[in-house]
Every structure is written in C-alpha cells, then in structure tokens.
C-alpha cells in the first residue's frame, strides 16, 4: 500500500504557478486543529501570477500587512477575508519575493465530514459543504489566524495520496469573481476536475 506523501516546500517553490495549480487537482488538503482532522481532494484551483497579474493581490508589487506573506518563499499559507464574510485559503508559491499564489476553490470531502458539517452549520452533507473557496476554508476551520503558516506538517499540509486525475479530465478556464482585472480576468488560470459535483457552478 502506497504511503501518503506530504508535499514539501520544494514542491511549492517551483516557478510554474499555473502548472502547479493544475497539478494540485487530485492532491489532498488536510487540517488538524484541536485533535480534529479534516481533509478533502482538491478539485478546483486558481493561479495568481504575481506583480504582472491585475487579479493578484500583489499586482504591481503591492505590499501591505496582509499581502506581505505572498513575498515569502513558496509553501506557506495565505488566508484573507473576502467582502468581510468569507475566509479564502491560498498557497504561496515560487521563490522569495516572487509573490505568486494558488487559491483552493473546491474540495471533495474525505475525512472529518461531521466536523466540517458542524463548522458550516449544516444538517446535511450536500455538495455545497466544500464547493467554493469560502466553503473550503469554513469546512477546514481556516481563518486569518492561519495565514503565514509553513505547510508540510500539522496543522495544514497537502498530501499526494496517489489519486490520479488524468490531464484530459481536467479543464481550464477564466477565473471567477475578478472582473475588475479586465483582460487578466479572462486568463485560463482556473482548473477543475470535469464532472465533479463539488466544483463551483
């Protein structure tokens, strides 16, 4: 039986953030908080390519208290609050001072589903449990306090569990909710597992 492999910082420090966003489809995102383990297969991602990407928080080299974490070496978490309502979980990539990141948009739940339901205040485990980036963070217990954490061990890490989603079964298209970025919003930097019911509508 193949042992689960935790993705190291070296993996996230690769230069091709778009390629990584596609490669993460099929990997497993795991959190462990207060003895509660929750996880899910990553089925939808979005790549943000940094200072030349008008949709990225680091566009034009912008540095704020919130975005400073994006300038760290790849393999750390970037969690921010969207519209004052939803926390969104991103993984910083590439080398130090190259502020790129991948947004985790949807998961297919694996472990800790009752815990996820409790966190999301759900009585039924339907597809909305982990569909959409706000739902992902909510179900996995992620918030701004978890921004800047090094991935690779508890409480947050990504595993390769040998789940193979063929390239032909992964689609790409425009990112969602970044119309302010103009033509950059149309770049095919969103990836998803074709036919998976947890993917954003």
N, C-alpha and C. Protein backbone atom coordinates (compact mmCIF):
# COMPACT_ATOMS: atom_id res chain seq x y z
N UNK A 1 0.84 -1.20 0.00
CA UNK A 1 0.00 0.00 0.00
C UNK A 1 0.88 1.25 0.00
N UNK A 2 0.59 2.16 -0.91
CA UNK A 2 1.41 3.36 -1.05
C UNK A 2 1.20 4.30 0.14
N UNK A 3 2.31 4.79 0.68
CA UNK A 3 2.25 5.73 1.80
C UNK A 3 1.94 7.13 1.29
N UNK A 4 1.09 7.84 2.03
CA UNK A 4 0.78 9.21 1.66
C UNK A 4 2.05 10.06 1.73
N UNK A 5 2.25 10.89 0.72
CA UNK A 5 3.44 11.74 0.67
C UNK A 5 3.04 13.20 0.88
N UNK A 6 3.59 13.81 1.91
CA UNK A 6 3.32 15.22 2.18
C UNK A 6 4.16 16.07 1.23
N UNK A 7 3.52 17.01 0.55
CA UNK A 7 4.24 17.88 -0.38
C UNK A 7 5.11 18.86 0.41
N UNK A 8 6.37 18.95 0.01
CA UNK A 8 7.34 19.79 0.73
C UNK A 8 7.35 21.21 0.18
N UNK A 9 8.08 22.06 0.88
CA UNK A 9 8.23 23.45 0.43
C UNK A 9 8.86 23.49 -0.96
N UNK A 10 9.76 22.54 -1.25
CA UNK A 10 10.42 22.49 -2.55
C UNK A 10 9.41 22.37 -3.67
N UNK A 11 8.37 21.57 -3.45
CA UNK A 11 7.32 21.43 -4.46
C UNK A 11 6.68 22.79 -4.75
N UNK A 12 6.35 23.53 -3.71
CA UNK A 12 5.65 24.80 -3.89
C UNK A 12 6.56 25.93 -4.35
N UNK A 13 7.85 25.70 -4.36
CA UNK A 13 8.79 26.73 -4.81
C UNK A 13 9.15 26.59 -6.28
N UNK A 14 8.44 25.72 -6.99
CA UNK A 14 8.60 25.65 -8.44
C UNK A 14 8.16 26.98 -9.07
N UNK A 15 8.67 27.25 -10.26
CA UNK A 15 8.41 28.55 -10.89
C UNK A 15 7.09 28.61 -11.65
N UNK A 16 6.55 27.47 -12.05
CA UNK A 16 5.35 27.46 -12.88
C UNK A 16 4.09 27.37 -12.02
N UNK A 17 3.59 28.51 -11.57
CA UNK A 17 2.42 28.51 -10.69
C UNK A 17 1.18 28.00 -11.40
N UNK A 18 1.07 28.26 -12.70
CA UNK A 18 -0.10 27.79 -13.46
C UNK A 18 -0.06 26.26 -13.57
N UNK A 19 1.11 25.73 -13.88
CA UNK A 19 1.25 24.28 -13.94
C UNK A 19 0.97 23.61 -12.61
N UNK A 20 1.42 24.26 -11.52
CA UNK A 20 1.16 23.72 -10.18
C UNK A 20 -0.32 23.73 -9.85
N UNK A 21 -1.02 24.78 -10.26
CA UNK A 21 -2.45 24.87 -9.98
C UNK A 21 -3.18 23.69 -10.62
N UNK A 22 -2.72 23.29 -11.80
CA UNK A 22 -3.31 22.11 -12.45
C UNK A 22 -2.88 20.83 -11.75
N UNK A 23 -1.61 20.76 -11.37
CA UNK A 23 -1.07 19.56 -10.75
C UNK A 23 -1.70 19.28 -9.38
N UNK A 24 -2.18 20.32 -8.71
CA UNK A 24 -2.79 20.14 -7.39
C UNK A 24 -4.15 19.46 -7.46
N UNK A 25 -4.75 19.44 -8.64
CA UNK A 25 -6.03 18.73 -8.79
C UNK A 25 -5.77 17.23 -8.51
N UNK A 26 -6.45 16.70 -7.51
CA UNK A 26 -6.23 15.31 -7.11
C UNK A 26 -5.40 15.16 -5.86
N UNK A 27 -4.69 16.22 -5.47
CA UNK A 27 -3.95 16.18 -4.20
C UNK A 27 -4.95 16.40 -3.05
N UNK A 28 -4.51 16.14 -1.82
CA UNK A 28 -5.42 16.19 -0.67
C UNK A 28 -4.96 17.27 0.32
N UNK A 29 -5.84 18.21 0.61
CA UNK A 29 -5.58 19.26 1.60
C UNK A 29 -6.08 18.79 2.96
N UNK A 30 -5.21 18.89 3.97
CA UNK A 30 -5.52 18.38 5.30
C UNK A 30 -5.33 19.46 6.35
N UNK A 31 -6.23 19.53 7.33
CA UNK A 31 -6.03 20.37 8.51
C UNK A 31 -6.21 19.52 9.76
N UNK A 32 -5.48 19.88 10.80
CA UNK A 32 -5.60 19.23 12.10
C UNK A 32 -5.64 20.32 13.17
N UNK A 33 -6.80 20.54 13.72
CA UNK A 33 -6.98 21.55 14.77
C UNK A 33 -7.67 20.90 15.98
N UNK A 34 -7.07 21.09 17.15
CA UNK A 34 -7.65 20.59 18.40
C UNK A 34 -8.03 19.12 18.31
N UNK A 35 -7.15 18.33 17.70
CA UNK A 35 -7.38 16.90 17.60
C UNK A 35 -8.39 16.49 16.55
N UNK A 36 -8.86 17.45 15.75
CA UNK A 36 -9.86 17.16 14.72
C UNK A 36 -9.21 17.25 13.34
N UNK A 37 -9.17 16.11 12.64
CA UNK A 37 -8.56 16.05 11.31
C UNK A 37 -9.65 16.12 10.25
N UNK A 38 -9.47 17.05 9.33
CA UNK A 38 -10.40 17.17 8.19
C UNK A 38 -9.58 17.22 6.91
N UNK A 39 -10.13 16.65 5.84
CA UNK A 39 -9.39 16.65 4.59
C UNK A 39 -10.33 16.52 3.40
N UNK A 40 -9.79 16.84 2.23
CA UNK A 40 -10.57 16.71 1.00
C UNK A 40 -9.67 16.71 -0.22
N UNK A 41 -10.14 16.07 -1.27
CA UNK A 41 -9.42 16.06 -2.54
C UNK A 41 -9.60 17.42 -3.22
N UNK A 42 -8.52 18.04 -3.63
CA UNK A 42 -8.60 19.32 -4.32
C UNK A 42 -9.16 19.09 -5.72
N UNK A 43 -10.29 19.72 -6.03
CA UNK A 43 -10.92 19.53 -7.34
C UNK A 43 -11.06 20.83 -8.13
N UNK A 44 -10.64 21.95 -7.53
CA UNK A 44 -10.71 23.23 -8.26
C UNK A 44 -9.70 24.20 -7.66
N UNK A 45 -8.93 24.84 -8.53
CA UNK A 45 -7.91 25.80 -8.09
C UNK A 45 -7.89 27.01 -9.02
N UNK A 46 -7.21 28.05 -8.58
CA UNK A 46 -6.95 29.22 -9.44
C UNK A 46 -5.53 29.69 -9.19
N UNK A 47 -4.80 29.99 -10.26
CA UNK A 47 -3.44 30.50 -10.16
C UNK A 47 -3.43 32.02 -10.25
N UNK A 48 -2.56 32.63 -9.46
CA UNK A 48 -2.35 34.08 -9.50
C UNK A 48 -0.86 34.32 -9.68
N UNK A 49 -0.50 34.99 -10.77
CA UNK A 49 0.89 35.01 -11.21
C UNK A 49 1.72 36.21 -10.74
N UNK A 50 1.18 36.98 -9.79
CA UNK A 50 2.02 37.99 -9.16
C UNK A 50 1.93 39.39 -9.72
N UNK A 51 3.07 40.08 -9.77
CA UNK A 51 3.08 41.52 -9.99
C UNK A 51 2.56 41.95 -11.36
N UNK A 52 2.53 41.03 -12.33
CA UNK A 52 2.00 41.38 -13.66
C UNK A 52 0.55 40.96 -13.85
N UNK A 53 -0.05 40.41 -12.81
CA UNK A 53 -1.41 39.87 -12.87
C UNK A 53 -2.36 40.82 -12.12
N UNK A 54 -3.20 41.52 -12.87
CA UNK A 54 -4.08 42.51 -12.25
C UNK A 54 -5.08 41.90 -11.26
N UNK A 55 -5.27 40.58 -11.32
CA UNK A 55 -6.18 39.92 -10.39
C UNK A 55 -5.49 39.53 -9.09
N UNK A 56 -4.17 39.62 -9.05
CA UNK A 56 -3.40 39.21 -7.86
C UNK A 56 -3.32 40.34 -6.85
N UNK A 57 -3.34 39.99 -5.58
CA UNK A 57 -3.21 41.00 -4.53
C UNK A 57 -1.84 41.66 -4.55
N UNK A 58 -0.88 41.00 -5.19
CA UNK A 58 0.48 41.53 -5.26
C UNK A 58 0.75 42.27 -6.57
N UNK A 59 -0.31 42.55 -7.33
CA UNK A 59 -0.14 43.23 -8.62
C UNK A 59 0.65 44.53 -8.46
N UNK A 60 1.56 44.75 -9.39
CA UNK A 60 2.38 45.97 -9.43
C UNK A 60 3.29 46.08 -8.20
N UNK A 61 3.60 44.93 -7.59
CA UNK A 61 4.50 44.93 -6.44
C UNK A 61 3.89 45.44 -5.16
N UNK A 62 2.56 45.46 -5.09
CA UNK A 62 1.89 45.97 -3.89
C UNK A 62 2.26 45.14 -2.67
N UNK A 63 2.63 45.83 -1.59
CA UNK A 63 2.97 45.16 -0.34
C UNK A 63 2.22 45.83 0.80
N UNK A 64 1.43 45.05 1.50
CA UNK A 64 0.69 45.54 2.66
C UNK A 64 0.89 44.54 3.79
N UNK A 65 0.39 44.87 4.97
CA UNK A 65 0.49 43.93 6.10
C UNK A 65 -0.16 42.61 5.73
N UNK A 66 -1.25 42.66 4.95
CA UNK A 66 -1.97 41.46 4.57
C UNK A 66 -1.20 40.65 3.53
N UNK A 67 -0.65 41.33 2.52
CA UNK A 67 -0.04 40.61 1.39
C UNK A 67 1.44 40.30 1.57
N UNK A 68 2.06 40.79 2.62
CA UNK A 68 3.49 40.58 2.81
C UNK A 68 3.85 39.09 2.78
N UNK A 69 2.94 38.26 3.26
CA UNK A 69 3.18 36.81 3.28
C UNK A 69 3.40 36.25 1.87
N UNK A 70 2.83 36.92 0.85
CA UNK A 70 2.98 36.44 -0.53
C UNK A 70 4.43 36.55 -1.02
N UNK A 71 5.23 37.36 -0.34
CA UNK A 71 6.61 37.55 -0.75
C UNK A 71 7.56 36.57 -0.07
N UNK A 72 7.02 35.69 0.76
CA UNK A 72 7.84 34.65 1.38
C UNK A 72 8.11 33.53 0.37
N UNK A 73 9.08 32.67 0.65
CA UNK A 73 9.30 31.51 -0.23
C UNK A 73 8.05 30.64 -0.25
N UNK A 74 7.81 29.98 -1.38
CA UNK A 74 6.61 29.15 -1.52
C UNK A 74 6.50 28.07 -0.46
N UNK A 75 5.24 27.72 -0.19
CA UNK A 75 4.98 26.68 0.81
C UNK A 75 4.42 27.21 2.10
N UNK A 76 3.89 28.43 2.07
CA UNK A 76 3.22 28.98 3.25
C UNK A 76 1.77 29.31 2.89
N UNK A 77 0.95 29.42 3.90
CA UNK A 77 -0.47 29.72 3.68
C UNK A 77 -0.71 31.22 3.59
N UNK A 78 -1.67 31.59 2.77
CA UNK A 78 -2.13 32.98 2.68
C UNK A 78 -3.65 32.93 2.79
N UNK A 79 -4.15 33.39 3.94
CA UNK A 79 -5.59 33.36 4.19
C UNK A 79 -6.06 34.79 4.40
N UNK A 80 -7.10 35.17 3.66
CA UNK A 80 -7.62 36.53 3.81
C UNK A 80 -9.15 36.49 3.86
N UNK A 81 -9.70 37.60 4.33
CA UNK A 81 -11.15 37.72 4.45
C UNK A 81 -11.69 38.45 3.22
N UNK A 82 -12.65 37.83 2.55
CA UNK A 82 -13.24 38.38 1.32
C UNK A 82 -14.60 39.00 1.63
N UNK A 83 -14.76 40.27 1.26
CA UNK A 83 -16.01 41.00 1.49
C UNK A 83 -16.44 40.99 2.95
N UNK A 84 -15.48 40.81 3.85
CA UNK A 84 -15.78 40.82 5.27
C UNK A 84 -16.61 39.63 5.72
N UNK A 85 -16.72 38.60 4.88
CA UNK A 85 -17.58 37.46 5.20
C UNK A 85 -16.82 36.13 5.18
N UNK A 86 -16.19 35.82 4.03
CA UNK A 86 -15.61 34.50 3.82
C UNK A 86 -14.09 34.54 3.88
N UNK A 87 -13.50 33.59 4.59
CA UNK A 87 -12.06 33.42 4.53
C UNK A 87 -11.72 32.57 3.30
N UNK A 88 -10.64 32.94 2.62
CA UNK A 88 -10.19 32.21 1.44
C UNK A 88 -8.76 31.72 1.67
N UNK A 89 -8.53 30.44 1.36
CA UNK A 89 -7.23 29.82 1.61
C UNK A 89 -6.41 29.71 0.32
N UNK A 90 -5.21 30.24 0.37
CA UNK A 90 -4.28 30.21 -0.76
C UNK A 90 -2.94 29.62 -0.31
N UNK A 91 -2.21 29.08 -1.28
CA UNK A 91 -0.87 28.58 -1.03
C UNK A 91 0.11 29.45 -1.81
N UNK A 92 1.05 30.07 -1.09
CA UNK A 92 2.08 30.89 -1.72
C UNK A 92 3.05 29.97 -2.46
N UNK A 93 3.46 30.39 -3.67
CA UNK A 93 4.37 29.57 -4.48
C UNK A 93 5.59 30.38 -4.94
N UNK A 94 6.49 29.69 -5.62
CA UNK A 94 7.70 30.25 -6.21
C UNK A 94 8.72 30.66 -5.13
N UNK A 95 9.76 31.37 -5.56
CA UNK A 95 10.85 31.73 -4.66
C UNK A 95 10.50 33.01 -3.88
N UNK A 96 11.36 33.33 -2.91
CA UNK A 96 11.19 34.54 -2.11
C UNK A 96 11.11 35.76 -3.02
N UNK A 97 10.19 36.66 -2.69
CA UNK A 97 9.98 37.94 -3.38
C UNK A 97 9.39 37.79 -4.78
N UNK A 98 8.90 36.59 -5.12
CA UNK A 98 8.10 36.41 -6.35
C UNK A 98 6.70 36.04 -5.87
N UNK A 99 5.83 37.04 -5.70
CA UNK A 99 4.57 36.86 -4.97
C UNK A 99 3.43 36.21 -5.77
N UNK A 100 3.53 34.91 -5.94
CA UNK A 100 2.50 34.16 -6.64
C UNK A 100 1.76 33.26 -5.66
N UNK A 101 0.55 32.85 -6.02
CA UNK A 101 -0.23 32.01 -5.11
C UNK A 101 -1.29 31.22 -5.87
N UNK A 102 -1.78 30.19 -5.21
CA UNK A 102 -2.85 29.35 -5.75
C UNK A 102 -4.01 29.34 -4.77
N UNK A 103 -5.18 29.72 -5.24
CA UNK A 103 -6.40 29.70 -4.43
C UNK A 103 -7.02 28.31 -4.53
N UNK A 104 -7.36 27.72 -3.39
CA UNK A 104 -8.05 26.43 -3.38
C UNK A 104 -9.55 26.72 -3.39
N UNK A 105 -10.20 26.39 -4.50
CA UNK A 105 -11.60 26.78 -4.70
C UNK A 105 -12.62 25.72 -4.28
N UNK A 106 -12.24 24.43 -4.34
CA UNK A 106 -13.22 23.39 -4.01
C UNK A 106 -12.52 22.09 -3.65
N UNK A 107 -13.15 21.34 -2.76
CA UNK A 107 -12.65 20.04 -2.32
C UNK A 107 -13.77 19.01 -2.39
N UNK A 108 -13.39 17.76 -2.59
CA UNK A 108 -14.30 16.64 -2.39
C UNK A 108 -13.97 16.06 -1.01
N UNK A 109 -14.87 16.16 -0.04
CA UNK A 109 -14.55 15.79 1.35
C UNK A 109 -14.11 14.33 1.49
N UNK A 110 -13.14 14.12 2.38
CA UNK A 110 -12.68 12.77 2.69
C UNK A 110 -12.86 12.45 4.17
N UNK A 111 -12.06 13.11 5.01
CA UNK A 111 -12.06 12.81 6.44
C UNK A 111 -12.69 13.95 7.24
N UNK A 112 -13.33 13.58 8.35
CA UNK A 112 -13.86 14.59 9.27
C UNK A 112 -15.10 15.29 8.77
N UNK A 113 -15.91 14.61 7.96
CA UNK A 113 -17.11 15.25 7.41
C UNK A 113 -18.06 15.76 8.49
N UNK A 114 -18.31 15.00 9.59
CA UNK A 114 -19.17 15.54 10.65
C UNK A 114 -18.62 16.85 11.25
N UNK A 115 -17.29 16.95 11.35
CA UNK A 115 -16.67 18.18 11.87
C UNK A 115 -16.89 19.31 10.88
N UNK A 116 -16.73 19.03 9.59
CA UNK A 116 -16.97 20.04 8.56
C UNK A 116 -18.41 20.54 8.62
N UNK A 117 -19.35 19.62 8.78
CA UNK A 117 -20.76 20.00 8.83
C UNK A 117 -21.04 20.89 10.03
N UNK A 118 -20.42 20.57 11.15
CA UNK A 118 -20.61 21.38 12.36
C UNK A 118 -20.06 22.79 12.15
N UNK A 119 -18.88 22.87 11.55
CA UNK A 119 -18.28 24.18 11.30
C UNK A 119 -19.11 25.02 10.34
N UNK A 120 -19.73 24.35 9.36
CA UNK A 120 -20.53 25.05 8.36
C UNK A 120 -21.99 25.17 8.75
N UNK A 121 -22.32 24.63 9.96
CA UNK A 121 -23.70 24.69 10.47
C UNK A 121 -24.68 24.03 9.50
N UNK A 122 -24.30 22.84 9.04
CA UNK A 122 -25.13 22.10 8.11
C UNK A 122 -25.71 20.85 8.77
N UNK A 123 -26.94 20.51 8.39
CA UNK A 123 -27.56 19.29 8.90
C UNK A 123 -27.48 18.18 7.85
N UNK A 124 -27.11 18.54 6.62
CA UNK A 124 -26.99 17.57 5.54
C UNK A 124 -25.69 17.82 4.78
N UNK A 125 -24.96 16.74 4.51
CA UNK A 125 -23.68 16.87 3.81
C UNK A 125 -23.89 16.90 2.30
N UNK A 126 -24.39 18.03 1.80
CA UNK A 126 -24.58 18.14 0.35
C UNK A 126 -23.32 18.72 -0.30
N UNK A 127 -23.38 18.93 -1.61
CA UNK A 127 -22.20 19.36 -2.34
C UNK A 127 -21.73 20.76 -1.96
N UNK A 128 -22.60 21.56 -1.38
CA UNK A 128 -22.21 22.91 -1.00
C UNK A 128 -21.29 22.93 0.22
N UNK A 129 -21.09 21.77 0.84
CA UNK A 129 -20.24 21.70 2.04
C UNK A 129 -18.85 22.25 1.77
N UNK A 130 -18.28 21.90 0.61
CA UNK A 130 -16.92 22.35 0.28
C UNK A 130 -16.83 22.85 -1.16
N UNK A 131 -17.91 23.38 -1.67
CA UNK A 131 -17.94 23.96 -3.02
C UNK A 131 -17.76 25.47 -2.89
N UNK A 132 -16.69 25.98 -3.50
CA UNK A 132 -16.38 27.40 -3.41
C UNK A 132 -15.34 27.65 -2.33
N UNK A 133 -14.46 28.63 -2.54
CA UNK A 133 -13.33 28.85 -1.62
C UNK A 133 -13.73 29.22 -0.20
N UNK A 134 -14.82 29.97 -0.04
CA UNK A 134 -15.27 30.30 1.31
C UNK A 134 -15.73 29.06 2.06
N UNK A 135 -16.37 28.15 1.34
CA UNK A 135 -16.84 26.90 1.94
C UNK A 135 -15.66 26.00 2.32
N UNK A 136 -14.63 25.99 1.48
CA UNK A 136 -13.43 25.19 1.78
C UNK A 136 -12.81 25.63 3.09
N UNK A 137 -12.56 26.94 3.23
CA UNK A 137 -11.93 27.44 4.44
C UNK A 137 -12.81 27.20 5.66
N UNK A 138 -14.12 27.44 5.50
CA UNK A 138 -15.03 27.23 6.62
C UNK A 138 -15.05 25.79 7.08
N UNK A 139 -15.13 24.86 6.14
CA UNK A 139 -15.20 23.44 6.47
C UNK A 139 -13.91 22.94 7.11
N UNK A 140 -12.78 23.47 6.67
CA UNK A 140 -11.50 23.02 7.20
C UNK A 140 -11.04 23.82 8.42
N UNK A 141 -11.85 24.79 8.85
CA UNK A 141 -11.53 25.55 10.06
C UNK A 141 -10.44 26.59 9.87
N UNK A 142 -10.30 27.09 8.65
CA UNK A 142 -9.23 28.03 8.34
C UNK A 142 -9.70 29.48 8.42
N UNK A 143 -8.86 30.34 8.99
CA UNK A 143 -9.17 31.77 9.06
C UNK A 143 -7.87 32.57 9.02
N UNK A 144 -7.97 33.88 9.16
CA UNK A 144 -6.79 34.75 9.02
C UNK A 144 -5.68 34.42 10.01
N UNK A 145 -6.04 33.83 11.14
CA UNK A 145 -5.02 33.46 12.13
C UNK A 145 -4.06 32.39 11.59
N UNK A 146 -4.48 31.73 10.50
CA UNK A 146 -3.66 30.67 9.94
C UNK A 146 -2.85 31.13 8.72
N UNK A 147 -2.85 32.43 8.46
CA UNK A 147 -2.06 32.96 7.35
C UNK A 147 -0.59 33.02 7.77
N UNK A 148 0.29 32.63 6.84
CA UNK A 148 1.72 32.67 7.13
C UNK A 148 2.29 31.40 7.73
N UNK A 149 1.48 30.36 7.86
CA UNK A 149 1.97 29.10 8.41
C UNK A 149 2.71 28.31 7.33
N UNK A 150 3.78 27.68 7.73
CA UNK A 150 4.54 26.83 6.81
C UNK A 150 3.79 25.51 6.63
N UNK A 151 3.53 25.14 5.39
CA UNK A 151 2.85 23.89 5.10
C UNK A 151 3.88 22.73 5.13
N UNK A 152 3.36 21.53 5.32
CA UNK A 152 4.26 20.38 5.35
C UNK A 152 4.11 19.53 6.59
N UNK A 153 3.40 20.07 7.57
CA UNK A 153 3.11 19.34 8.80
C UNK A 153 1.88 19.97 9.42
N UNK A 154 1.33 19.31 10.46
CA UNK A 154 0.16 19.87 11.13
C UNK A 154 0.47 21.30 11.60
N UNK A 155 -0.51 22.21 11.54
CA UNK A 155 -1.94 21.94 11.33
C UNK A 155 -2.43 21.96 9.88
N UNK A 156 -1.57 22.35 8.90
CA UNK A 156 -2.03 22.41 7.50
C UNK A 156 -0.98 21.77 6.60
N UNK A 157 -1.41 20.85 5.76
CA UNK A 157 -0.48 20.27 4.80
C UNK A 157 -1.24 19.70 3.61
N UNK A 158 -0.50 19.43 2.55
CA UNK A 158 -1.08 18.85 1.34
C UNK A 158 -0.39 17.51 1.08
N UNK A 159 -1.17 16.49 0.77
CA UNK A 159 -0.63 15.16 0.54
C UNK A 159 -0.89 14.68 -0.89
N UNK A 160 0.05 13.89 -1.37
CA UNK A 160 -0.15 13.12 -2.59
C UNK A 160 -0.53 11.72 -2.13
N UNK A 161 -1.77 11.32 -2.34
CA UNK A 161 -2.24 10.00 -1.93
C UNK A 161 -2.39 9.06 -3.11
N UNK A 162 -1.75 9.42 -4.21
CA UNK A 162 -1.79 8.55 -5.37
C UNK A 162 -3.09 8.60 -6.15
N UNK A 163 -3.89 9.65 -5.91
CA UNK A 163 -5.15 9.82 -6.65
C UNK A 163 -4.80 10.43 -8.01
N UNK A 164 -5.09 9.70 -9.06
CA UNK A 164 -4.72 10.15 -10.40
C UNK A 164 -5.95 10.70 -11.12
N UNK A 165 -5.88 11.98 -11.47
CA UNK A 165 -6.90 12.58 -12.32
C UNK A 165 -6.19 12.93 -13.62
N UNK A 166 -6.46 12.20 -14.70
CA UNK A 166 -5.75 12.41 -15.97
C UNK A 166 -5.89 13.85 -16.46
N UNK A 167 -4.87 14.30 -17.15
CA UNK A 167 -4.88 15.66 -17.69
C UNK A 167 -6.11 15.91 -18.54
N UNK A 168 -6.56 14.90 -19.28
CA UNK A 168 -7.73 15.05 -20.14
C UNK A 168 -9.01 15.24 -19.35
N UNK A 169 -8.97 14.90 -18.05
CA UNK A 169 -10.15 15.04 -17.18
C UNK A 169 -10.11 16.32 -16.37
N UNK A 170 -9.16 17.21 -16.71
CA UNK A 170 -9.04 18.50 -16.03
C UNK A 170 -9.27 19.60 -17.05
N UNK A 171 -10.17 20.49 -16.73
CA UNK A 171 -10.49 21.60 -17.63
C UNK A 171 -9.89 22.90 -17.10
N UNK A 172 -9.67 23.86 -17.99
CA UNK A 172 -9.19 25.18 -17.57
C UNK A 172 -10.09 26.25 -18.16
N UNK A 173 -10.14 27.38 -17.48
CA UNK A 173 -10.96 28.47 -17.96
C UNK A 173 -10.69 29.73 -17.16
N UNK A 174 -11.49 30.76 -17.41
CA UNK A 174 -11.32 32.04 -16.74
C UNK A 174 -11.58 31.93 -15.25
N UNK A 175 -10.90 32.77 -14.49
CA UNK A 175 -11.11 32.80 -13.04
C UNK A 175 -12.45 33.46 -12.71
N UNK A 176 -12.89 33.24 -11.48
CA UNK A 176 -14.22 33.70 -11.05
C UNK A 176 -14.09 34.88 -10.08
N UNK A 177 -14.93 35.88 -10.26
CA UNK A 177 -15.02 36.97 -9.29
C UNK A 177 -13.91 38.00 -9.36
N UNK A 178 -13.20 38.06 -10.49
CA UNK A 178 -12.11 39.03 -10.62
C UNK A 178 -12.30 39.92 -11.86
N UNK A 179 -13.55 40.27 -12.14
CA UNK A 179 -13.85 41.08 -13.33
C UNK A 179 -13.09 42.41 -13.32
N UNK A 180 -12.73 42.92 -12.13
CA UNK A 180 -12.00 44.18 -12.02
C UNK A 180 -10.63 44.11 -12.71
N UNK A 181 -10.15 42.90 -12.97
CA UNK A 181 -8.83 42.72 -13.56
C UNK A 181 -8.83 42.86 -15.08
N UNK A 182 -9.98 43.18 -15.66
CA UNK A 182 -10.04 43.37 -17.11
C UNK A 182 -9.67 42.13 -17.89
N UNK A 183 -8.80 42.28 -18.87
CA UNK A 183 -8.43 41.13 -19.71
C UNK A 183 -7.72 40.04 -18.90
N UNK A 184 -7.09 40.41 -17.80
CA UNK A 184 -6.43 39.39 -16.97
C UNK A 184 -7.44 38.45 -16.32
N UNK A 185 -8.67 38.92 -16.17
CA UNK A 185 -9.71 38.06 -15.60
C UNK A 185 -10.05 36.90 -16.53
N UNK A 186 -9.75 37.06 -17.81
CA UNK A 186 -10.10 36.05 -18.80
C UNK A 186 -9.01 35.00 -18.99
N UNK A 187 -7.88 35.17 -18.34
CA UNK A 187 -6.79 34.20 -18.49
C UNK A 187 -7.24 32.83 -17.99
N UNK A 188 -6.86 31.76 -18.68
CA UNK A 188 -7.32 30.41 -18.30
C UNK A 188 -6.53 29.82 -17.14
N UNK A 189 -6.63 30.49 -16.00
CA UNK A 189 -5.83 30.10 -14.84
C UNK A 189 -6.65 29.36 -13.78
N UNK A 190 -7.89 29.03 -14.10
CA UNK A 190 -8.70 28.21 -13.18
C UNK A 190 -8.73 26.79 -13.72
N UNK A 191 -8.56 25.83 -12.83
CA UNK A 191 -8.56 24.42 -13.22
C UNK A 191 -9.57 23.66 -12.37
N UNK A 192 -10.24 22.69 -12.98
CA UNK A 192 -11.20 21.89 -12.23
C UNK A 192 -11.33 20.49 -12.80
N UNK A 193 -11.73 19.56 -11.93
CA UNK A 193 -11.95 18.18 -12.34
C UNK A 193 -13.31 18.11 -13.04
N UNK A 194 -13.29 17.73 -14.29
CA UNK A 194 -14.51 17.70 -15.10
C UNK A 194 -15.55 16.76 -14.48
N UNK A 195 -16.76 17.28 -14.31
CA UNK A 195 -17.85 16.46 -13.82
C UNK A 195 -17.93 16.28 -12.32
N UNK A 196 -16.94 16.82 -11.59
CA UNK A 196 -17.01 16.67 -10.14
C UNK A 196 -18.07 17.60 -9.56
N UNK A 197 -19.01 17.08 -8.76
CA UNK A 197 -20.13 17.90 -8.28
C UNK A 197 -19.77 18.97 -7.27
N UNK A 198 -18.53 18.92 -6.75
CA UNK A 198 -18.12 19.93 -5.77
C UNK A 198 -17.54 21.19 -6.42
N UNK A 199 -17.30 21.13 -7.72
CA UNK A 199 -16.73 22.27 -8.44
C UNK A 199 -17.75 23.41 -8.49
N UNK A 200 -17.26 24.64 -8.44
CA UNK A 200 -18.12 25.83 -8.49
C UNK A 200 -19.04 25.79 -9.70
N UNK A 201 -20.28 26.24 -9.50
CA UNK A 201 -21.23 26.32 -10.62
C UNK A 201 -20.93 27.55 -11.46
